[in-house]
Amino acid sequence: MLMKGDEARPVLRDRLEMETADMPAVVMAHCLALLGETDDTVPFLEDRVLNASNNFARAEAARVLREVGRRESMVNLDKAFETDRDGLVRKEAAESMRALIARFPQATPPGSELSDNEDAGTP
């Protein structure tokens, strides 16, 4: 069955509430954010950057925030860049930070190594 955006929202929202696996939840939150539902999906994605049990889900949440993130997203992205042990997560966090800094230039996190360090692979 094909659905338009407005019809898909409640289905995605119901499924997101039931989902226990991180990666599908991140994908559904991304879809909802792209449909304009950002009030709770963007904070959810910000949380997944730091707390998803799967490194690929953390990296995907960081990548998605490049598209739908807000100024406040930079705090969690910076923390992931500084503390996550996975290189892919750090890389995606760094790239998303750069994209958000370009979108919100006045919002570079204080003391962020990203502003001083061009090598996104090392915190």
PDB file of N, CA and C in Angstrom:
ATOM      1  N   MET A   1       0.842  -1.166   0.000  1.00  0.00           N
ATOM      2  CA  MET A   1       0.000   0.000   0.000  1.00  0.00           C
ATOM      3  C   MET A   1       0.898   1.243   0.000  1.00  0.00           C
ATOM      4  N   LEU A   2       0.667   2.148  -0.902  1.00  0.00           N
ATOM      5  CA  LEU A   2       1.403   3.402  -0.968  1.00  0.00           C
ATOM      6  C   LEU A   2       0.714   4.450  -0.109  1.00  0.00           C
ATOM      7  N   MET A   3       1.528   5.261   0.565  1.00  0.00           N
ATOM      8  CA  MET A   3       0.989   6.321   1.411  1.00  0.00           C
ATOM      9  C   MET A   3       1.677   7.626   1.073  1.00  0.00           C
ATOM     10  N   LYS A   4       0.968   8.679   1.265  1.00  0.00           N
ATOM     11  CA  LYS A   4       1.555  10.011   1.174  1.00  0.00           C
ATOM     12  C   LYS A   4       2.094  10.372   2.548  1.00  0.00           C
ATOM     13  N   GLY A   5       2.900  11.427   2.619  1.00  0.00           N
ATOM     14  CA  GLY A   5       3.551  11.823   3.865  1.00  0.00           C
ATOM     15  C   GLY A   5       2.621  11.934   5.051  1.00  0.00           C
ATOM     16  N   ASP A   6       1.505  12.619   4.860  1.00  0.00           N
ATOM     17  CA  ASP A   6       0.583  12.808   5.982  1.00  0.00           C
ATOM     18  C   ASP A   6      -0.004  11.492   6.466  1.00  0.00           C
ATOM     19  N   GLU A   7      -0.227  10.564   5.539  1.00  0.00           N
ATOM     20  CA  GLU A   7      -0.776   9.267   5.917  1.00  0.00           C
ATOM     21  C   GLU A   7       0.273   8.403   6.622  1.00  0.00           C
ATOM     22  N   ALA A   8       1.537   8.593   6.274  1.00  0.00           N
ATOM     23  CA  ALA A   8       2.617   7.776   6.831  1.00  0.00           C
ATOM     24  C   ALA A   8       2.993   8.203   8.249  1.00  0.00           C
ATOM     25  N   ARG A   9       2.756   9.435   8.601  1.00  0.00           N
ATOM     26  CA  ARG A   9       3.176   9.934   9.916  1.00  0.00           C
ATOM     27  C   ARG A   9       2.678   9.091  11.078  1.00  0.00           C
ATOM     28  N   PRO A  10       1.361   8.838  11.184  1.00  0.00           N
ATOM     29  CA  PRO A  10       0.917   8.057  12.345  1.00  0.00           C
ATOM     30  C   PRO A  10       1.460   6.627  12.336  1.00  0.00           C
ATOM     31  N   VAL A  11       1.631   6.053  11.161  1.00  0.00           N
ATOM     32  CA  VAL A  11       2.173   4.699  11.071  1.00  0.00           C
ATOM     33  C   VAL A  11       3.622   4.692  11.557  1.00  0.00           C
ATOM     34  N   LEU A  12       4.410   5.641  11.078  1.00  0.00           N
ATOM     35  CA  LEU A  12       5.806   5.742  11.518  1.00  0.00           C
ATOM     36  C   LEU A  12       5.900   6.018  13.012  1.00  0.00           C
ATOM     37  N   ARG A  13       5.059   6.921  13.498  1.00  0.00           N
ATOM     38  CA  ARG A  13       5.093   7.273  14.916  1.00  0.00           C
ATOM     39  C   ARG A  13       4.729   6.062  15.792  1.00  0.00           C
ATOM     40  N   ASP A  14       3.683   5.316  15.414  1.00  0.00           N
ATOM     41  CA  ASP A  14       3.301   4.124  16.173  1.00  0.00           C
ATOM     42  C   ASP A  14       4.412   3.086  16.160  1.00  0.00           C
ATOM     43  N   ARG A  15       5.006   2.898  15.000  1.00  0.00           N
ATOM     44  CA  ARG A  15       6.081   1.903  14.880  1.00  0.00           C
ATOM     45  C   ARG A  15       7.312   2.331  15.673  1.00  0.00           C
ATOM     46  N   LEU A  16       7.628   3.616  15.657  1.00  0.00           N
ATOM     47  CA  LEU A  16       8.771   4.118  16.409  1.00  0.00           C
ATOM     48  C   LEU A  16       8.585   3.879  17.903  1.00  0.00           C
ATOM     49  N   GLU A  17       7.380   4.080  18.392  1.00  0.00           N
ATOM     50  CA  GLU A  17       7.106   3.867  19.815  1.00  0.00           C
ATOM     51  C   GLU A  17       7.285   2.409  20.214  1.00  0.00           C
ATOM     52  N   MET A  18       7.042   1.478  19.295  1.00  0.00           N
ATOM     53  CA  MET A  18       7.161   0.048  19.595  1.00  0.00           C
ATOM     54  C   MET A  18       8.571  -0.484  19.360  1.00  0.00           C
ATOM     55  N   GLU A  19       9.358   0.205  18.547  1.00  0.00           N
ATOM     56  CA  GLU A  19      10.657  -0.322  18.112  1.00  0.00           C
ATOM     57  C   GLU A  19      11.656  -0.388  19.259  1.00  0.00           C
ATOM     58  N   THR A  20      12.326  -1.520  19.368  1.00  0.00           N
ATOM     59  CA  THR A  20      13.343  -1.685  20.413  1.00  0.00           C
ATOM     60  C   THR A  20      14.761  -1.706  19.835  1.00  0.00           C
ATOM     61  N   ALA A  21      14.904  -1.923  18.534  1.00  0.00           N
ATOM     62  CA  ALA A  21      16.223  -1.927  17.901  1.00  0.00           C
ATOM     63  C   ALA A  21      16.594  -0.503  17.492  1.00  0.00           C
ATOM     64  N   ASP A  22      17.841  -0.146  17.747  1.00  0.00           N
ATOM     65  CA  ASP A  22      18.280   1.232  17.512  1.00  0.00           C
ATOM     66  C   ASP A  22      18.250   1.669  16.051  1.00  0.00           C
ATOM     67  N   MET A  23      18.778   0.849  15.141  1.00  0.00           N
ATOM     68  CA  MET A  23      18.888   1.298  13.754  1.00  0.00           C
ATOM     69  C   MET A  23      17.522   1.556  13.115  1.00  0.00           C
ATOM     70  N   PRO A  24      16.561   0.641  13.207  1.00  0.00           N
ATOM     71  CA  PRO A  24      15.251   0.966  12.629  1.00  0.00           C
ATOM     72  C   PRO A  24      14.621   2.197  13.289  1.00  0.00           C
ATOM     73  N   ALA A  25      14.829   2.367  14.579  1.00  0.00           N
ATOM     74  CA  ALA A  25      14.272   3.535  15.267  1.00  0.00           C
ATOM     75  C   ALA A  25      14.897   4.823  14.730  1.00  0.00           C
ATOM     76  N   VAL A  26      16.198   4.806  14.494  1.00  0.00           N
ATOM     77  CA  VAL A  26      16.880   5.984  13.942  1.00  0.00           C
ATOM     78  C   VAL A  26      16.335   6.288  12.547  1.00  0.00           C
ATOM     79  N   VAL A  27      16.142   5.271  11.729  1.00  0.00           N
ATOM     80  CA  VAL A  27      15.620   5.474  10.367  1.00  0.00           C
ATOM     81  C   VAL A  27      14.201   6.054  10.423  1.00  0.00           C
ATOM     82  N   MET A  28      13.364   5.517  11.311  1.00  0.00           N
ATOM     83  CA  MET A  28      11.994   6.040  11.417  1.00  0.00           C
ATOM     84  C   MET A  28      11.985   7.475  11.931  1.00  0.00           C
ATOM     85  N   ALA A  29      12.821   7.780  12.900  1.00  0.00           N
ATOM     86  CA  ALA A  29      12.900   9.152  13.411  1.00  0.00           C
ATOM     87  C   ALA A  29      13.375  10.095  12.308  1.00  0.00           C
ATOM     88  N   HIS A  30      14.315   9.643  11.500  1.00  0.00           N
ATOM     89  CA  HIS A  30      14.793  10.447  10.375  1.00  0.00           C
ATOM     90  C   HIS A  30      13.651  10.739   9.414  1.00  0.00           C
ATOM     91  N   CYS A  31      12.887   9.709   9.062  1.00  0.00           N
ATOM     92  CA  CYS A  31      11.743   9.897   8.151  1.00  0.00           C
ATOM     93  C   CYS A  31      10.745  10.893   8.719  1.00  0.00           C
ATOM     94  N   LEU A  32      10.428  10.749   9.995  1.00  0.00           N
ATOM     95  CA  LEU A  32       9.482  11.686  10.622  1.00  0.00           C
ATOM     96  C   LEU A  32      10.038  13.104  10.621  1.00  0.00           C
ATOM     97  N   ALA A  33      11.327  13.253  10.879  1.00  0.00           N
ATOM     98  CA  ALA A  33      11.940  14.590  10.862  1.00  0.00           C
ATOM     99  C   ALA A  33      11.872  15.192   9.467  1.00  0.00           C
ATOM    100  N   LEU A  34      12.112  14.376   8.443  1.00  0.00           N
ATOM    101  CA  LEU A  34      12.021  14.870   7.069  1.00  0.00           C
ATOM    102  C   LEU A  34      10.602  15.279   6.706  1.00  0.00           C
ATOM    103  N   LEU A  35       9.623  14.678   7.380  1.00  0.00           N
ATOM    104  CA  LEU A  35       8.225  15.041   7.170  1.00  0.00           C
ATOM    105  C   LEU A  35       7.820  16.253   8.008  1.00  0.00           C
ATOM    106  N   GLY A  36       8.785  16.827   8.722  1.00  0.00           N
ATOM    107  CA  GLY A  36       8.526  18.044   9.482  1.00  0.00           C
ATOM    108  C   GLY A  36       8.243  17.835  10.955  1.00  0.00           C
ATOM    109  N   GLU A  37       8.263  16.607  11.424  1.00  0.00           N
ATOM    110  CA  GLU A  37       8.001  16.323  12.831  1.00  0.00           C
ATOM    111  C   GLU A  37       9.323  16.279  13.580  1.00  0.00           C
ATOM    112  N   THR A  38       9.818  17.435  13.951  1.00  0.00           N
ATOM    113  CA  THR A  38      11.146  17.517  14.552  1.00  0.00           C
ATOM    114  C   THR A  38      11.131  17.750  16.066  1.00  0.00           C
ATOM    115  N   ASP A  39       9.993  18.120  16.627  1.00  0.00           N
ATOM    116  CA  ASP A  39       9.960  18.471  18.055  1.00  0.00           C
ATOM    117  C   ASP A  39      10.460  17.359  18.962  1.00  0.00           C
ATOM    118  N   ASP A  40      10.114  16.123  18.659  1.00  0.00           N
ATOM    119  CA  ASP A  40      10.596  15.034  19.495  1.00  0.00           C
ATOM    120  C   ASP A  40      11.558  14.109  18.763  1.00  0.00           C
ATOM    121  N   THR A  41      11.551  14.102  17.443  1.00  0.00           N
ATOM    122  CA  THR A  41      12.448  13.197  16.725  1.00  0.00           C
ATOM    123  C   THR A  41      13.897  13.679  16.741  1.00  0.00           C
ATOM    124  N   VAL A  42      14.123  14.975  16.632  1.00  0.00           N
ATOM    125  CA  VAL A  42      15.501  15.467  16.671  1.00  0.00           C
ATOM    126  C   VAL A  42      16.115  15.230  18.054  1.00  0.00           C
ATOM    127  N   PRO A  43      15.434  15.542  19.165  1.00  0.00           N
ATOM    128  CA  PRO A  43      16.002  15.174  20.472  1.00  0.00           C
ATOM    129  C   PRO A  43      16.232  13.664  20.610  1.00  0.00           C
ATOM    130  N   PHE A  44      15.350  12.846  20.034  1.00  0.00           N
ATOM    131  CA  PHE A  44      15.542  11.399  20.051  1.00  0.00           C
ATOM    132  C   PHE A  44      16.840  11.033  19.326  1.00  0.00           C
ATOM    133  N   LEU A  45      17.069  11.616  18.155  1.00  0.00           N
ATOM    134  CA  LEU A  45      18.291  11.352  17.395  1.00  0.00           C
ATOM    135  C   LEU A  45      19.527  11.839  18.147  1.00  0.00           C
ATOM    136  N   GLU A  46      19.410  12.989  18.795  1.00  0.00           N
ATOM    137  CA  GLU A  46      20.527  13.494  19.603  1.00  0.00           C
ATOM    138  C   GLU A  46      20.880  12.504  20.711  1.00  0.00           C
ATOM    139  N   ASP A  47      19.865  11.910  21.321  1.00  0.00           N
ATOM    140  CA  ASP A  47      20.098  10.912  22.357  1.00  0.00           C
ATOM    141  C   ASP A  47      20.744   9.651  21.774  1.00  0.00           C
ATOM    142  N   ARG A  48      20.285   9.218  20.607  1.00  0.00           N
ATOM    143  CA  ARG A  48      20.823   7.996  19.998  1.00  0.00           C
ATOM    144  C   ARG A  48      22.284   8.147  19.610  1.00  0.00           C
ATOM    145  N   VAL A  49      22.732   9.364  19.283  1.00  0.00           N
ATOM    146  CA  VAL A  49      24.148   9.589  18.960  1.00  0.00           C
ATOM    147  C   VAL A  49      25.029   9.136  20.121  1.00  0.00           C
ATOM    148  N   LEU A  50      24.562   9.342  21.315  1.00  0.00           N
ATOM    149  CA  LEU A  50      25.357   8.992  22.497  1.00  0.00           C
ATOM    150  C   LEU A  50      24.985   7.643  23.104  1.00  0.00           C
ATOM    151  N   ASN A  51      23.746   7.225  22.967  1.00  0.00           N
ATOM    152  CA  ASN A  51      23.268   6.098  23.765  1.00  0.00           C
ATOM    153  C   ASN A  51      22.815   4.873  23.007  1.00  0.00           C
ATOM    154  N   ALA A  52      22.827   4.886  21.690  1.00  0.00           N
ATOM    155  CA  ALA A  52      22.473   3.671  20.954  1.00  0.00           C
ATOM    156  C   ALA A  52      23.512   2.596  21.255  1.00  0.00           C
ATOM    157  N   SER A  53      23.059   1.381  21.451  1.00  0.00           N
ATOM    158  CA  SER A  53      23.992   0.303  21.785  1.00  0.00           C
ATOM    159  C   SER A  53      24.809  -0.139  20.571  1.00  0.00           C
ATOM    160  N   ASN A  54      24.325   0.145  19.393  1.00  0.00           N
ATOM    161  CA  ASN A  54      24.961  -0.266  18.151  1.00  0.00           C
ATOM    162  C   ASN A  54      25.754   0.907  17.569  1.00  0.00           C
ATOM    163  N   ASN A  55      27.033   0.689  17.271  1.00  0.00           N
ATOM    164  CA  ASN A  55      27.852   1.775  16.744  1.00  0.00           C
ATOM    165  C   ASN A  55      27.341   2.282  15.393  1.00  0.00           C
ATOM    166  N   PHE A  56      26.772   1.402  14.572  1.00  0.00           N
ATOM    167  CA  PHE A  56      26.248   1.845  13.280  1.00  0.00           C
ATOM    168  C   PHE A  56      25.026   2.739  13.466  1.00  0.00           C
ATOM    169  N   ALA A  57      24.214   2.458  14.465  1.00  0.00           N
ATOM    170  CA  ALA A  57      23.060   3.312  14.757  1.00  0.00           C
ATOM    171  C   ALA A  57      23.522   4.668  15.286  1.00  0.00           C
ATOM    172  N   ARG A  58      24.570   4.680  16.125  1.00  0.00           N
ATOM    173  CA  ARG A  58      25.113   5.964  16.607  1.00  0.00           C
ATOM    174  C   ARG A  58      25.656   6.773  15.438  1.00  0.00           C
ATOM    175  N   ALA A  59      26.372   6.118  14.532  1.00  0.00           N
ATOM    176  CA  ALA A  59      26.919   6.811  13.361  1.00  0.00           C
ATOM    177  C   ALA A  59      25.801   7.325  12.459  1.00  0.00           C
ATOM    178  N   GLU A  60      24.766   6.522  12.265  1.00  0.00           N
ATOM    179  CA  GLU A  60      23.649   6.950  11.418  1.00  0.00           C
ATOM    180  C   GLU A  60      22.902   8.116  12.052  1.00  0.00           C
ATOM    181  N   ALA A  61      22.713   8.079  13.352  1.00  0.00           N
ATOM    182  CA  ALA A  61      22.061   9.206  14.031  1.00  0.00           C
ATOM    183  C   ALA A  61      22.886  10.477  13.838  1.00  0.00           C
ATOM    184  N   ALA A  62      24.201  10.362  13.943  1.00  0.00           N
ATOM    185  CA  ALA A  62      25.062  11.523  13.721  1.00  0.00           C
ATOM    186  C   ALA A  62      24.928  12.020  12.286  1.00  0.00           C
ATOM    187  N   ARG A  63      24.913  11.103  11.327  1.00  0.00           N
ATOM    188  CA  ARG A  63      24.793  11.498   9.921  1.00  0.00           C
ATOM    189  C   ARG A  63      23.462  12.182   9.649  1.00  0.00           C
ATOM    190  N   VAL A  64      22.401  11.640  10.211  1.00  0.00           N
ATOM    191  CA  VAL A  64      21.057  12.189  10.016  1.00  0.00           C
ATOM    192  C   VAL A  64      20.969  13.602  10.587  1.00  0.00           C
ATOM    193  N   LEU A  65      21.637  13.838  11.705  1.00  0.00           N
ATOM    194  CA  LEU A  65      21.593  15.182  12.299  1.00  0.00           C
ATOM    195  C   LEU A  65      22.236  16.220  11.392  1.00  0.00           C
ATOM    196  N   ARG A  66      23.061  15.792  10.472  1.00  0.00           N
ATOM    197  CA  ARG A  66      23.618  16.707   9.473  1.00  0.00           C
ATOM    198  C   ARG A  66      22.490  17.328   8.660  1.00  0.00           C
ATOM    199  N   GLU A  67      21.438  16.560   8.423  1.00  0.00           N
ATOM    200  CA  GLU A  67      20.304  17.028   7.619  1.00  0.00           C
ATOM    201  C   GLU A  67      19.238  17.727   8.450  1.00  0.00           C
ATOM    202  N   VAL A  68      18.927  17.177   9.610  1.00  0.00           N
ATOM    203  CA  VAL A  68      17.761  17.652  10.364  1.00  0.00           C
ATOM    204  C   VAL A  68      18.126  18.261  11.712  1.00  0.00           C
ATOM    205  N   GLY A  69      19.421  18.325  12.013  1.00  0.00           N
ATOM    206  CA  GLY A  69      19.849  18.820  13.319  1.00  0.00           C
ATOM    207  C   GLY A  69      19.556  20.289  13.535  1.00  0.00           C
ATOM    208  N   ARG A  70      19.616  20.655  14.781  1.00  0.00           N
ATOM    209  CA  ARG A  70      19.401  22.041  15.204  1.00  0.00           C
ATOM    210  C   ARG A  70      20.677  22.504  15.918  1.00  0.00           C
ATOM    211  N   ARG A  71      20.707  23.733  16.266  1.00  0.00           N
ATOM    212  CA  ARG A  71      21.851  24.309  16.958  1.00  0.00           C
ATOM    213  C   ARG A  71      22.226  23.468  18.184  1.00  0.00           C
ATOM    214  N   GLU A  72      21.215  23.034  18.938  1.00  0.00           N
ATOM    215  CA  GLU A  72      21.442  22.278  20.169  1.00  0.00           C
ATOM    216  C   GLU A  72      22.023  20.892  19.907  1.00  0.00           C
ATOM    217  N   SER A  73      21.886  20.391  18.698  1.00  0.00           N
ATOM    218  CA  SER A  73      22.415  19.064  18.350  1.00  0.00           C
ATOM    219  C   SER A  73      23.933  19.020  18.473  1.00  0.00           C
ATOM    220  N   MET A  74      24.563  20.170  18.335  1.00  0.00           N
ATOM    221  CA  MET A  74      26.016  20.219  18.343  1.00  0.00           C
ATOM    222  C   MET A  74      26.611  19.767  19.672  1.00  0.00           C
ATOM    223  N   VAL A  75      25.893  19.919  20.760  1.00  0.00           N
ATOM    224  CA  VAL A  75      26.404  19.493  22.067  1.00  0.00           C
ATOM    225  C   VAL A  75      26.635  17.986  22.065  1.00  0.00           C
ATOM    226  N   ASN A  76      25.631  17.218  21.642  1.00  0.00           N
ATOM    227  CA  ASN A  76      25.771  15.760  21.631  1.00  0.00           C
ATOM    228  C   ASN A  76      26.737  15.291  20.553  1.00  0.00           C
ATOM    229  N   LEU A  77      26.732  15.956  19.413  1.00  0.00           N
ATOM    230  CA  LEU A  77      27.678  15.596  18.363  1.00  0.00           C
ATOM    231  C   LEU A  77      29.114  15.829  18.825  1.00  0.00           C
ATOM    232  N   ASP A  78      29.344  16.936  19.504  1.00  0.00           N
ATOM    233  CA  ASP A  78      30.677  17.231  20.024  1.00  0.00           C
ATOM    234  C   ASP A  78      31.090  16.183  21.056  1.00  0.00           C
ATOM    235  N   LYS A  79      30.152  15.811  21.919  1.00  0.00           N
ATOM    236  CA  LYS A  79      30.457  14.796  22.936  1.00  0.00           C
ATOM    237  C   LYS A  79      30.780  13.455  22.262  1.00  0.00           C
ATOM    238  N   ALA A  80      30.013  13.079  21.233  1.00  0.00           N
ATOM    239  CA  ALA A  80      30.294  11.840  20.505  1.00  0.00           C
ATOM    240  C   ALA A  80      31.659  11.914  19.830  1.00  0.00           C
ATOM    241  N   PHE A  81      31.968  13.057  19.241  1.00  0.00           N
ATOM    242  CA  PHE A  81      33.269  13.251  18.592  1.00  0.00           C
ATOM    243  C   PHE A  81      34.403  13.090  19.597  1.00  0.00           C
ATOM    244  N   GLU A  82      34.201  13.618  20.783  1.00  0.00           N
ATOM    245  CA  GLU A  82      35.248  13.599  21.810  1.00  0.00           C
ATOM    246  C   GLU A  82      35.373  12.251  22.517  1.00  0.00           C
ATOM    247  N   THR A  83      34.271  11.509  22.677  1.00  0.00           N
ATOM    248  CA  THR A  83      34.304  10.371  23.593  1.00  0.00           C
ATOM    249  C   THR A  83      33.997   9.010  22.981  1.00  0.00           C
ATOM    250  N   ASP A  84      33.356   8.947  21.838  1.00  0.00           N
ATOM    251  CA  ASP A  84      32.991   7.632  21.296  1.00  0.00           C
ATOM    252  C   ASP A  84      34.249   6.892  20.861  1.00  0.00           C
ATOM    253  N   ARG A  85      34.287   5.609  21.151  1.00  0.00           N
ATOM    254  CA  ARG A  85      35.469   4.811  20.819  1.00  0.00           C
ATOM    255  C   ARG A  85      35.465   4.348  19.368  1.00  0.00           C
ATOM    256  N   ASP A  86      34.345   4.493  18.680  1.00  0.00           N
ATOM    257  CA  ASP A  86      34.234   4.025  17.307  1.00  0.00           C
ATOM    258  C   ASP A  86      34.605   5.130  16.322  1.00  0.00           C
ATOM    259  N   GLY A  87      35.510   4.828  15.417  1.00  0.00           N
ATOM    260  CA  GLY A  87      35.972   5.818  14.447  1.00  0.00           C
ATOM    261  C   GLY A  87      34.894   6.303  13.501  1.00  0.00           C
ATOM    262  N   LEU A  88      33.982   5.409  13.094  1.00  0.00           N
ATOM    263  CA  LEU A  88      32.905   5.814  12.188  1.00  0.00           C
ATOM    264  C   LEU A  88      31.972   6.809  12.879  1.00  0.00           C
ATOM    265  N   VAL A  89      31.669   6.568  14.130  1.00  0.00           N
ATOM    266  CA  VAL A  89      30.812   7.500  14.884  1.00  0.00           C
ATOM    267  C   VAL A  89      31.496   8.860  14.978  1.00  0.00           C
ATOM    268  N   ARG A  90      32.779   8.870  15.319  1.00  0.00           N
ATOM    269  CA  ARG A  90      33.519  10.141  15.416  1.00  0.00           C
ATOM    270  C   ARG A  90      33.552  10.861  14.068  1.00  0.00           C
ATOM    271  N   LYS A  91      33.771  10.102  12.984  1.00  0.00           N
ATOM    272  CA  LYS A  91      33.816  10.710  11.647  1.00  0.00           C
ATOM    273  C   LYS A  91      32.476  11.355  11.295  1.00  0.00           C
ATOM    274  N   GLU A  92      31.382  10.619  11.492  1.00  0.00           N
ATOM    275  CA  GLU A  92      30.056  11.159  11.173  1.00  0.00           C
ATOM    276  C   GLU A  92      29.713  12.343  12.071  1.00  0.00           C
ATOM    277  N   ALA A  93      30.080  12.254  13.343  1.00  0.00           N
ATOM    278  CA  ALA A  93      29.828  13.371  14.262  1.00  0.00           C
ATOM    279  C   ALA A  93      30.590  14.616  13.803  1.00  0.00           C
ATOM    280  N   ALA A  94      31.842  14.436  13.405  1.00  0.00           N
ATOM    281  CA  ALA A  94      32.653  15.574  12.954  1.00  0.00           C
ATOM    282  C   ALA A  94      32.065  16.202  11.695  1.00  0.00           C
ATOM    283  N   GLU A  95      31.678  15.364  10.740  1.00  0.00           N
ATOM    284  CA  GLU A  95      31.101  15.900   9.501  1.00  0.00           C
ATOM    285  C   GLU A  95      29.780  16.621   9.769  1.00  0.00           C
ATOM    286  N   SER A  96      28.992  16.075  10.670  1.00  0.00           N
ATOM    287  CA  SER A  96      27.726  16.741  11.013  1.00  0.00           C
ATOM    288  C   SER A  96      27.967  18.032  11.761  1.00  0.00           C
ATOM    289  N   MET A  97      28.963  18.031  12.633  1.00  0.00           N
ATOM    290  CA  MET A  97      29.312  19.278  13.330  1.00  0.00           C
ATOM    291  C   MET A  97      29.702  20.351  12.317  1.00  0.00           C
ATOM    292  N   ARG A  98      30.519  19.986  11.354  1.00  0.00           N
ATOM    293  CA  ARG A  98      30.939  20.964  10.335  1.00  0.00           C
ATOM    294  C   ARG A  98      29.728  21.499   9.572  1.00  0.00           C
ATOM    295  N   ALA A  99      28.801  20.620   9.226  1.00  0.00           N
ATOM    296  CA  ALA A  99      27.604  21.053   8.491  1.00  0.00           C
ATOM    297  C   ALA A  99      26.753  21.989   9.349  1.00  0.00           C
ATOM    298  N   LEU A 100      26.606  21.661  10.631  1.00  0.00           N
ATOM    299  CA  LEU A 100      25.793  22.518  11.507  1.00  0.00           C
ATOM    300  C   LEU A 100      26.504  23.828  11.820  1.00  0.00           C
ATOM    301  N   ILE A 101      27.828  23.797  11.926  1.00  0.00           N
ATOM    302  CA  ILE A 101      28.581  25.038  12.125  1.00  0.00           C
ATOM    303  C   ILE A 101      28.396  25.952  10.915  1.00  0.00           C
ATOM    304  N   ALA A 102      28.368  25.368   9.720  1.00  0.00           N
ATOM    305  CA  ALA A 102      28.127  26.170   8.515  1.00  0.00           C
ATOM    306  C   ALA A 102      26.717  26.753   8.531  1.00  0.00           C
ATOM    307  N   ARG A 103      25.762  25.980   9.037  1.00  0.00           N
ATOM    308  CA  ARG A 103      24.365  26.449   9.092  1.00  0.00           C
ATOM    309  C   ARG A 103      24.150  27.428  10.231  1.00  0.00           C
ATOM    310  N   PHE A 104      24.838  27.198  11.354  1.00  0.00           N
ATOM    311  CA  PHE A 104      24.703  28.030  12.550  1.00  0.00           C
ATOM    312  C   PHE A 104      26.098  28.466  13.003  1.00  0.00           C
ATOM    313  N   PRO A 105      26.762  29.366  12.280  1.00  0.00           N
ATOM    314  CA  PRO A 105      28.169  29.685  12.565  1.00  0.00           C
ATOM    315  C   PRO A 105      28.423  30.228  13.970  1.00  0.00           C
ATOM    316  N   GLN A 106      27.452  30.848  14.573  1.00  0.00           N
ATOM    317  CA  GLN A 106      27.642  31.403  15.908  1.00  0.00           C
ATOM    318  C   GLN A 106      27.535  30.342  16.988  1.00  0.00           C
ATOM    319  N   ALA A 107      27.310  29.075  16.632  1.00  0.00           N
ATOM    320  CA  ALA A 107      27.015  28.045  17.627  1.00  0.00           C
ATOM    321  C   ALA A 107      28.133  27.025  17.818  1.00  0.00           C
ATOM    322  N   THR A 108      29.364  27.319  17.408  1.00  0.00           N
ATOM    323  CA  THR A 108      30.454  26.377  17.621  1.00  0.00           C
ATOM    324  C   THR A 108      30.610  26.116  19.107  1.00  0.00           C
ATOM    325  N   PRO A 109      30.573  24.851  19.531  1.00  0.00           N
ATOM    326  CA  PRO A 109      30.689  24.559  20.961  1.00  0.00           C
ATOM    327  C   PRO A 109      32.001  25.072  21.524  1.00  0.00           C
ATOM    328  N   PRO A 110      31.964  25.734  22.681  1.00  0.00           N
ATOM    329  CA  PRO A 110      33.183  26.236  23.284  1.00  0.00           C
ATOM    330  C   PRO A 110      34.137  25.098  23.592  1.00  0.00           C
ATOM    331  N   GLY A 111      35.401  25.297  23.273  1.00  0.00           N
ATOM    332  CA  GLY A 111      36.417  24.303  23.575  1.00  0.00           C
ATOM    333  C   GLY A 111      36.378  23.088  22.674  1.00  0.00           C
ATOM    334  N   SER A 112      35.554  23.120  21.641  1.00  0.00           N
ATOM    335  CA  SER A 112      35.467  21.970  20.750  1.00  0.00           C
ATOM    336  C   SER A 112      36.780  21.788  20.017  1.00  0.00           C
ATOM    337  N   GLU A 113      37.298  20.564  20.063  1.00  0.00           N
ATOM    338  CA  GLU A 113      38.514  20.274  19.315  1.00  0.00           C
ATOM    339  C   GLU A 113      38.254  20.334  17.819  1.00  0.00           C
ATOM    340  N   LEU A 114      37.006  20.187  17.423  1.00  0.00           N
ATOM    341  CA  LEU A 114      36.673  20.198  16.002  1.00  0.00           C
ATOM    342  C   LEU A 114      37.085  21.510  15.364  1.00  0.00           C
ATOM    343  N   SER A 115      36.899  22.604  16.079  1.00  0.00           N
ATOM    344  CA  SER A 115      37.255  23.901  15.513  1.00  0.00           C
ATOM    345  C   SER A 115      38.765  24.063  15.401  1.00  0.00           C
ATOM    346  N   ASP A 116      39.530  23.294  16.213  1.00  0.00           N
ATOM    347  CA  ASP A 116      40.981  23.395  16.212  1.00  0.00           C
ATOM    348  C   ASP A 116      41.648  22.262  15.440  1.00  0.00           C
ATOM    349  N   ASN A 117      40.927  21.143  15.251  1.00  0.00           N
ATOM    350  CA  ASN A 117      41.522  19.935  14.704  1.00  0.00           C
ATOM    351  C   ASN A 117      40.794  19.542  13.426  1.00  0.00           C
ATOM    352  N   GLU A 118      41.468  19.573  12.315  1.00  0.00           N
ATOM    353  CA  GLU A 118      40.835  19.226  11.039  1.00  0.00           C
ATOM    354  C   GLU A 118      40.770  17.720  10.838  1.00  0.00           C
ATOM    355  N   ASP A 119      41.467  16.928  11.649  1.00  0.00           N
ATOM    356  CA  ASP A 119      41.452  15.478  11.497  1.00  0.00           C
ATOM    357  C   ASP A 119      40.257  14.913  12.241  1.00  0.00           C
ATOM    358  N   ALA A 120      39.199  14.574  11.491  1.00  0.00           N
ATOM    359  CA  ALA A 120      37.967  14.091  12.116  1.00  0.00           C
ATOM    360  C   ALA A 120      38.109  12.684  12.663  1.00  0.00           C
ATOM    361  N   GLY A 121      39.156  11.980  12.317  1.00  0.00           N
ATOM    362  CA  GLY A 121      39.297  10.613  12.772  1.00  0.00           C
ATOM    363  C   GLY A 121      39.810  10.469  14.182  1.00  0.00           C
ATOM    364  N   THR A 122      40.378  11.536  14.743  1.00  0.00           N
ATOM    365  CA  THR A 122      40.907  11.430  16.102  1.00  0.00           C
ATOM    366  C   THR A 122      40.301  12.511  16.970  1.00  0.00           C
ATOM    367  N   PRO A 123      39.829  12.117  18.151  1.00  0.00           N
ATOM    368  CA  PRO A 123      39.250  13.128  19.052  1.00  0.00           C
ATOM    369  C   PRO A 123      40.316  13.994  19.664  1.00  0.00           C
TER     370      PRO A 123
END
